[in-house]
Protein backbone atom coordinates (compact mmCIF):
# COMPACT_ATOMS: atom_id res chain seq x y z
CA MET A 1 -18.90 2.87 12.73
CA PHE A 2 -19.55 2.78 8.74
CA ARG A 3 -23.27 3.25 8.09
CA ALA A 4 -22.94 3.18 4.44
CA LYS A 5 -20.84 0.31 2.16
CA THR A 6 -17.21 2.07 2.38
CA LEU A 7 -14.60 1.25 -0.21
CA PHE A 8 -11.00 2.43 0.77
CA VAL A 9 -8.22 3.02 -1.88
CA LEU A 10 -4.80 3.44 -0.20
CA GLY A 11 -1.79 4.91 -2.20
CA ALA A 12 1.21 6.07 -1.09
CA GLY A 13 0.41 9.06 0.58
CA ALA A 14 -1.62 7.13 3.49
CA SER A 15 1.58 5.43 4.28
CA PHE A 16 3.34 8.37 4.29
CA GLU A 17 2.22 9.74 7.82
CA ALA A 18 3.56 6.00 8.85
CA ASP A 19 6.56 7.47 7.86
CA LEU A 20 7.05 5.62 4.72
CA PRO A 21 9.07 6.55 1.55
CA VAL A 22 6.97 7.85 -1.13
CA GLY A 23 7.54 8.60 -4.48
CA ASP A 24 11.50 10.06 -5.48
CA LYS A 25 12.70 9.03 -1.90
CA LEU A 26 11.65 5.75 -2.23
CA LEU A 27 13.41 5.70 -5.33
CA GLU A 28 16.87 7.12 -4.43
CA GLN A 29 16.62 4.40 -1.47
CA ILE A 30 16.08 1.57 -3.67
CA VAL A 31 19.20 2.95 -6.40
CA ALA A 32 21.46 3.29 -3.08
CA LEU A 33 19.94 -0.31 -1.95
CA THR A 34 20.87 -1.99 -5.06
CA ASP A 35 24.33 0.13 -6.09
CA VAL A 36 26.34 -3.25 -4.96
CA ARG A 37 30.06 -2.21 -5.34
CA PHE A 38 33.11 -3.99 -4.33
CA GLU A 39 36.74 -2.90 -3.46
CA HIS A 40 39.36 -5.46 -2.75
CA TYR A 41 36.77 -8.05 -2.63
CA ARG A 42 34.49 -6.51 0.28
CA GLN A 43 31.29 -4.82 -0.14
CA SER A 44 31.72 -1.22 -0.30
CA HIS A 45 28.23 0.25 -1.44
CA GLY A 46 24.55 -1.82 -1.62
CA ASP A 47 22.87 -3.96 0.54
CA PRO A 48 24.19 -7.30 1.60
CA LEU A 49 21.02 -8.54 1.96
CA ILE A 50 20.08 -7.85 -2.15
CA VAL A 51 23.35 -9.59 -2.91
CA ASP A 52 22.89 -12.88 -0.74
CA ALA A 53 19.18 -12.42 -2.21
CA LEU A 54 20.40 -12.93 -5.87
CA LYS A 55 22.46 -15.81 -4.95
CA THR A 56 19.51 -17.66 -3.40
CA ILE A 57 17.11 -16.86 -6.45
CA LEU A 58 20.24 -17.62 -9.14
CA ASN A 59 21.15 -20.41 -7.47
CA GLU A 60 24.91 -20.36 -9.02
CA GLY A 61 27.36 -21.50 -6.79
CA ARG A 62 30.58 -21.04 -7.36
CA GLU A 63 29.94 -18.90 -10.89
CA VAL A 64 29.33 -15.56 -10.52
CA VAL A 65 28.34 -14.57 -14.33
CA GLN A 66 24.96 -14.35 -13.65
CA ILE A 67 25.14 -12.19 -10.07
CA ASN A 68 28.05 -9.86 -12.39
CA GLU A 69 25.31 -9.38 -15.14
CA HIS A 70 21.83 -8.33 -12.19
CA LEU A 71 24.78 -6.04 -10.27
CA ALA A 72 25.32 -4.64 -14.00
CA ALA A 73 22.13 -4.30 -14.76
CA ALA A 74 21.25 -2.07 -11.07
CA ARG A 75 23.92 0.18 -12.10
CA ARG A 76 21.75 0.65 -15.30
CA LEU A 77 18.28 1.02 -12.95
CA GLY A 78 20.38 4.06 -10.96
CA GLN A 79 21.07 5.32 -14.23
CA SER A 80 17.94 5.59 -15.84
CA ALA A 81 16.73 6.40 -12.27
CA GLN A 82 18.00 9.86 -12.05
CA GLN A 83 15.06 10.91 -14.64
CA GLY A 84 12.89 8.42 -13.40
CA LEU A 85 9.25 9.75 -12.28
CA SER A 86 9.38 5.88 -10.49
CA ILE A 87 10.84 2.67 -9.67
CA ASP A 88 7.72 1.58 -11.42
CA ASN A 89 8.10 3.74 -14.37
CA VAL A 90 11.87 2.96 -14.93
CA ILE A 91 11.58 -0.82 -14.84
CA ASP A 92 8.83 -0.70 -17.39
CA ALA A 93 10.64 1.59 -19.80
CA LEU A 94 13.83 -1.05 -19.77
CA GLU A 95 12.03 -3.59 -20.30
CA ASP A 96 14.94 -5.37 -18.82
CA LYS A 97 14.26 -8.61 -17.08
CA GLN A 98 17.70 -8.56 -14.71
CA ILE A 99 16.66 -4.89 -13.83
CA GLU A 100 12.75 -5.97 -13.15
CA LEU A 101 14.05 -8.93 -10.63
CA VAL A 102 16.84 -6.30 -9.25
CA GLY A 103 14.15 -3.26 -8.88
CA LYS A 104 11.83 -5.79 -7.27
CA LEU A 105 14.56 -6.57 -4.47
CA GLY A 106 14.86 -3.33 -4.11
CA ILE A 107 11.46 -2.19 -3.67
CA VAL A 108 11.03 -5.16 -0.68
CA ARG A 109 14.30 -4.57 1.01
CA ALA A 110 12.91 -0.75 1.06
CA ILE A 111 9.56 -1.51 2.25
CA LEU A 112 11.25 -3.93 5.29
CA LYS A 113 13.45 -0.83 6.21
CA ALA A 114 11.20 1.27 6.22
CA GLU A 115 8.95 -0.42 8.35
CA GLY A 116 11.66 -1.56 10.73
CA SER A 117 12.86 2.18 11.08
CA SER A 118 9.33 4.31 11.27
CA SER A 119 9.51 6.34 14.31
CA LYS A 120 5.08 5.75 14.34
CA PHE A 121 5.97 2.15 15.21
CA ARG A 122 8.76 2.33 16.91
CA MET A 123 9.26 1.03 20.94
CA PRO A 124 11.68 0.15 23.38
CA GLU A 125 12.98 -3.00 23.08
CA ARG A 126 11.57 -4.06 26.29
CA TYR A 127 7.80 -3.82 24.58
CA ALA A 128 8.82 -6.15 21.65
CA ASN A 129 5.74 -6.73 19.42
CA LYS A 130 3.57 -4.04 20.69
CA ILE A 131 3.57 0.22 19.40
CA ASN A 132 2.44 3.00 21.38
CA LEU A 133 -0.41 4.51 19.48
CA LYS A 134 0.18 7.88 21.01
CA ASN A 135 2.63 8.39 18.15
CA PHE A 136 -0.53 7.58 15.48
CA ASN A 137 -2.79 11.17 17.42
CA SER A 138 -1.77 13.03 14.59
CA THR A 139 -2.67 10.62 11.63
CA TRP A 140 -5.37 9.14 9.52
CA TYR A 141 -5.08 5.79 11.32
CA SER A 142 -6.26 6.84 14.56
CA SER A 143 -9.08 8.60 12.97
CA LEU A 144 -9.63 5.27 11.25
CA THR A 145 -9.64 3.22 15.05
CA LYS A 146 -12.31 6.18 16.17
CA LEU A 147 -14.83 5.61 13.21
CA LEU A 148 -14.35 1.99 13.49
CA THR A 149 -15.14 1.48 16.87
CA GLU A 150 -17.94 4.90 17.05
CA ASN A 151 -21.01 3.13 18.93
CA ARG A 152 -19.37 -0.16 18.92
CA ARG A 153 -19.48 -2.58 21.61
CA VAL A 154 -17.10 -4.68 22.69
CA SER A 155 -20.21 -7.73 22.66
CA ASP A 156 -20.13 -6.91 18.35
CA PHE A 157 -16.54 -6.76 18.21
CA ASP A 158 -16.41 -9.19 15.87
CA ASN A 159 -18.61 -6.87 13.39
CA VAL A 160 -15.96 -3.75 13.66
CA PHE A 161 -15.10 -4.18 10.28
CA GLU A 162 -18.34 -4.25 8.74
CA ASN A 163 -19.02 -2.04 5.84
CA VAL A 164 -15.82 -1.67 5.37
CA GLU A 165 -13.25 -3.06 2.59
CA PHE A 166 -10.00 -1.81 1.11
CA ILE A 167 -7.60 -1.70 -1.95
CA VAL A 168 -4.06 -1.17 -0.87
CA PHE A 169 -1.58 -0.33 -3.80
CA ASN A 170 1.57 -0.19 -1.77
CA TYR A 171 3.75 -2.40 -0.44
CA ASP A 172 3.83 -2.38 2.75
CA ARG A 173 1.51 -3.63 5.54
CA CYS A 174 0.95 -0.81 7.86
CA LEU A 175 -2.52 -1.00 7.66
CA GLU A 176 -2.98 -4.50 8.59
CA HIS A 177 0.16 -4.29 11.61
CA TYR A 178 -1.38 -0.94 13.18
CA LEU A 179 -5.26 -2.23 13.38
CA GLN A 180 -4.16 -5.39 15.44
CA PHE A 181 -2.81 -3.55 18.21
CA SER A 182 -5.24 -0.44 18.03
CA LEU A 183 -8.22 -2.47 18.25
CA SER A 184 -6.54 -5.07 20.55
CA SER A 185 -5.85 -1.49 22.98
CA TYR A 186 -9.09 0.00 22.71
CA PHE A 187 -11.37 -3.04 23.37
CA HIS A 188 -9.15 -4.57 25.56
CA VAL A 189 -9.28 -8.02 23.69
CA PRO A 190 -6.99 -10.40 22.98
CA VAL A 191 -4.08 -9.40 19.72
CA GLU A 192 -5.07 -12.65 18.29
CA ARG A 193 -8.94 -12.26 18.43
CA VAL A 194 -8.33 -8.71 16.23
CA GLN A 195 -6.20 -11.29 13.70
CA ALA A 196 -8.58 -12.42 13.11
CA ALA A 197 -11.17 -10.15 12.38
CA ILE A 198 -8.43 -8.81 10.18
CA ASN A 199 -8.10 -12.20 8.24
CA ARG A 200 -11.99 -11.81 7.49
CA LEU A 201 -11.43 -7.75 6.58
CA VAL A 202 -11.16 -7.80 2.19
CA VAL A 203 -7.65 -6.34 1.37
CA HIS A 204 -7.39 -5.99 -2.04
CA ARG A 205 -3.91 -5.83 -3.02
CA PRO A 206 -3.61 -5.48 -6.67
CA TYR A 207 0.74 -5.01 -7.08
CA GLY A 208 0.63 -7.56 -4.17
CA VAL A 209 2.85 -6.94 -1.06
CA ALA A 210 6.04 -7.61 0.74
CA GLY A 211 5.57 -10.43 2.60
CA ARG A 212 2.35 -12.01 4.08
CA LEU A 213 2.56 -11.01 7.93
CA PRO A 214 3.34 -14.19 10.05
CA TRP A 215 -0.11 -13.93 11.68
CA GLN A 216 -2.06 -13.86 8.41
CA ASP A 217 -3.94 -16.87 6.60
CA GLY A 218 -2.25 -17.75 3.14
CA ASP A 219 0.30 -20.10 1.88
CA ARG A 220 3.07 -18.05 0.56
CA PRO A 221 6.12 -16.80 3.13
CA SER A 222 5.46 -15.08 5.89
CA ILE A 223 7.70 -12.11 7.01
CA PRO A 224 7.74 -10.04 10.44
CA PHE A 225 6.75 -6.46 10.20
CA GLY A 226 10.06 -4.20 9.53
CA GLU A 227 12.42 -7.25 9.20
CA GLY A 228 13.21 -9.87 6.53
CA HIS A 229 16.24 -11.92 5.83
CA ALA A 230 17.68 -12.64 1.94
CA ALA A 231 15.39 -15.69 1.94
CA ASP A 232 12.24 -13.56 2.67
CA LEU A 233 13.45 -11.08 0.08
CA ALA A 234 14.09 -13.66 -2.39
CA ALA A 235 10.62 -15.18 -1.37
CA ALA A 236 8.68 -11.68 -1.36
CA VAL A 237 9.91 -10.73 -4.54
CA GLU A 238 7.50 -13.59 -6.25
CA GLN A 239 4.72 -11.51 -4.58
CA ILE A 240 5.64 -8.10 -5.85
CA ARG A 241 3.71 -6.55 -9.10
CA THR A 242 5.08 -2.91 -10.57
CA PHE A 243 2.14 -0.72 -11.42
CA THR A 244 2.93 -1.49 -15.42
CA GLU A 245 2.50 -5.02 -15.06
CA GLN A 246 -0.85 -6.45 -16.17
CA ILE A 247 -2.54 -8.71 -13.60
CA ASP A 248 -3.48 -11.97 -14.67
CA ASP A 249 -5.45 -13.11 -11.68
CA GLU A 250 -9.09 -12.52 -13.55
CA HIS A 251 -10.75 -13.94 -9.93
CA ALA A 252 -8.52 -11.28 -8.01
CA LEU A 253 -9.51 -8.49 -10.16
CA THR A 254 -13.10 -9.36 -10.66
CA ALA A 255 -13.29 -9.67 -6.84
CA MET A 256 -12.02 -6.20 -6.73
CA ARG A 257 -14.00 -4.32 -9.01
CA ALA A 258 -17.02 -5.99 -7.11
CA SER A 259 -15.83 -4.15 -4.17
CA VAL A 260 -16.50 -1.39 -6.60
CA GLU A 261 -19.70 -2.43 -7.68
CA ILE A 262 -21.38 -2.50 -4.10
CA ALA A 263 -19.74 0.74 -2.47
CA ASP A 264 -22.22 3.12 -1.59
CA ARG A 265 -18.95 5.62 -0.43
CA ILE A 266 -15.35 5.07 -1.75
CA VAL A 267 -12.71 7.16 -0.29
CA PHE A 268 -9.27 7.57 -1.80
CA LEU A 269 -6.53 8.48 0.69
CA GLY A 270 -3.04 9.22 -0.80
CA PHE A 271 -3.67 8.17 -4.23
CA GLY A 272 -2.00 9.60 -6.84
CA PHE A 273 -4.57 8.83 -9.53
CA HIS A 274 -2.17 7.06 -12.41
CA ARG A 275 -4.67 6.50 -15.05
CA GLN A 276 -3.34 2.70 -15.63
CA ASN A 277 -4.23 2.44 -11.53
CA VAL A 278 -7.90 4.03 -11.69
CA GLN A 279 -8.47 2.04 -15.08
CA LEU A 280 -7.94 -0.97 -12.71
CA ILE A 281 -10.48 -0.65 -10.60
CA ALA A 282 -12.87 0.83 -13.01
CA ALA A 283 -16.46 -0.60 -12.50
CA SER A 284 -19.94 0.65 -13.05
CA VAL A 285 -20.47 1.74 -9.56
CA GLN A 286 -24.56 2.80 -8.16
CA GLU A 287 -26.30 5.33 -9.10
CA ASN A 288 -25.99 6.73 -5.45
CA VAL A 289 -22.10 6.35 -5.13
CA GLU A 290 -20.26 8.53 -3.58
CA ILE A 291 -16.43 9.50 -4.53
CA TYR A 292 -14.09 11.15 -2.21
CA GLY A 293 -10.61 11.57 -2.63
CA THR A 294 -7.52 13.51 -0.70
CA ALA A 295 -5.64 16.16 -3.58
CA LEU A 296 -2.67 17.27 -1.74
CA ASN A 297 -0.46 19.75 -4.11
CA VAL A 298 -2.59 18.99 -6.91
CA SER A 299 -3.48 21.99 -9.36
CA LYS A 300 -7.43 22.91 -9.59
CA ALA A 301 -6.76 22.20 -13.34
CA ASP A 302 -5.67 18.99 -12.58
CA GLN A 303 -7.97 18.24 -9.96
CA GLY A 304 -10.59 19.00 -12.99
CA VAL A 305 -9.16 16.25 -15.08
CA ILE A 306 -8.82 13.86 -12.68
CA GLU A 307 -12.66 14.52 -11.84
CA THR A 308 -13.48 13.68 -15.36
CA GLU A 309 -11.42 10.72 -15.43
CA LEU A 310 -12.93 8.99 -12.47
CA ARG A 311 -16.14 9.43 -13.47
CA GLU A 312 -15.51 7.92 -16.71
CA ALA A 313 -14.06 4.93 -15.44
CA PHE A 314 -17.01 4.56 -12.93
CA GLY A 315 -19.43 4.69 -15.27
CA LEU A 316 -21.32 7.98 -14.21
CA GLU A 317 -22.68 9.86 -17.30
CA TRP A 318 -22.59 13.10 -17.66
CA GLU A 319 -25.26 14.56 -15.78
CA PRO A 320 -25.73 17.69 -13.45
CA ALA A 321 -26.55 15.31 -10.32
CA ASN A 322 -23.25 13.22 -11.05
CA MET A 323 -20.87 16.64 -11.64
CA GLN A 324 -21.54 16.20 -7.65
CA ARG A 325 -20.79 12.99 -7.08
CA VAL A 326 -16.75 13.20 -7.31
CA THR A 327 -15.06 15.27 -4.03
CA LEU A 328 -11.07 16.25 -4.33
CA ALA A 329 -9.84 17.69 -1.11
CA GLU A 330 -6.43 19.41 -0.70
CA LEU A 331 -6.28 18.01 2.74
CA THR A 332 -3.53 15.17 4.09
CA CYS A 333 -4.98 11.67 4.94
CA ALA A 334 -5.63 13.14 8.72
CA ASP A 335 -6.94 16.20 7.91
CA PHE A 336 -9.52 15.00 5.47
CA PHE A 337 -10.44 12.66 8.07
CA ARG A 338 -11.43 15.72 10.54
CA GLU A 339 -13.09 17.36 7.94
CA TYR A 340 -15.27 14.41 6.54
CA TRP A 341 -15.98 12.58 9.22
CA ARG A 342 -19.60 13.03 9.55
CA THR A 343 -19.60 12.61 5.58
CA MET A 344 -17.96 9.40 5.89
CA THR A 345 -20.03 8.24 8.92
CA ALA A 346 -23.42 9.12 7.48
CA GLU A 347 -26.08 6.59 5.87
CA ALA A 348 -26.08 5.48 2.52
CA PRO A 349 -26.43 8.70 0.18
CA GLU A 350 -30.23 8.42 -1.19
CA THR A 351 -30.44 7.13 -5.09
């Protein structure tokens, strides 16, 4: 169990351990999905669901003017993506509503396909709506379950997420989908009971999500994990923001920063430390806070810059004691859990 208030901040690298694409790979997939072309009146390239979703959104009937304009926009997106840092950067740079819509459809479709094709979540058909937990033994997901359940009895199951909150910058639903089966298996409790507990878990999603899972609370359209029809894509687009868009939900923003303010320990997993994302969660933290993060393949020079920017974002004054408040480790998410096991389960640091 977590003895100190722990806030996990998840970036794309966290989902990478569940076989989801990140960075350049995700951008390549989005370009391929949105590169819609026709030969002899039959679609030869791109994803058919994206075309159908555009038809649903644009509601043109027999006319195809808007559809064709958006498909042309998709080609412009593909051209820019050859030199783009990420899909978010490309959408922001081009300042084109048609490119934005097509790009977001590509994001949702790519995420749903990645969820469905993940080798970690795949199970034989006769085990429908379950996962093989052994697939996760080498990932941080399995370690998270071990930490959540350490010294926790089934009679106290309803407090399994005590002292834990999340900020998830990814669009996928891997965290919630995994936890429902993992905790149900460990405690031998009905999955519905775990789902109810997850619905009480604080999970902030500043850039939205590729659809609400069918069992999750909320009034927005639901989409099964790894699935989705054209109508689902059309509905999910409204739940997606890119990281270059401003969040206009002040209530959500305030709640997210409140989680930062009360945390005893903040743990960045697979996070890219993009300046805009760091500023989005910037808040005054407790004097005793400890900040940890994975920084795989990040140079020592860049680690120093990131550490400085984190201290500034969280209001940690330039004092020798505060220099030790931020620790970056050149580790995968899974290795981080192994190396910092006792640290993450320790009592709150002293002031």
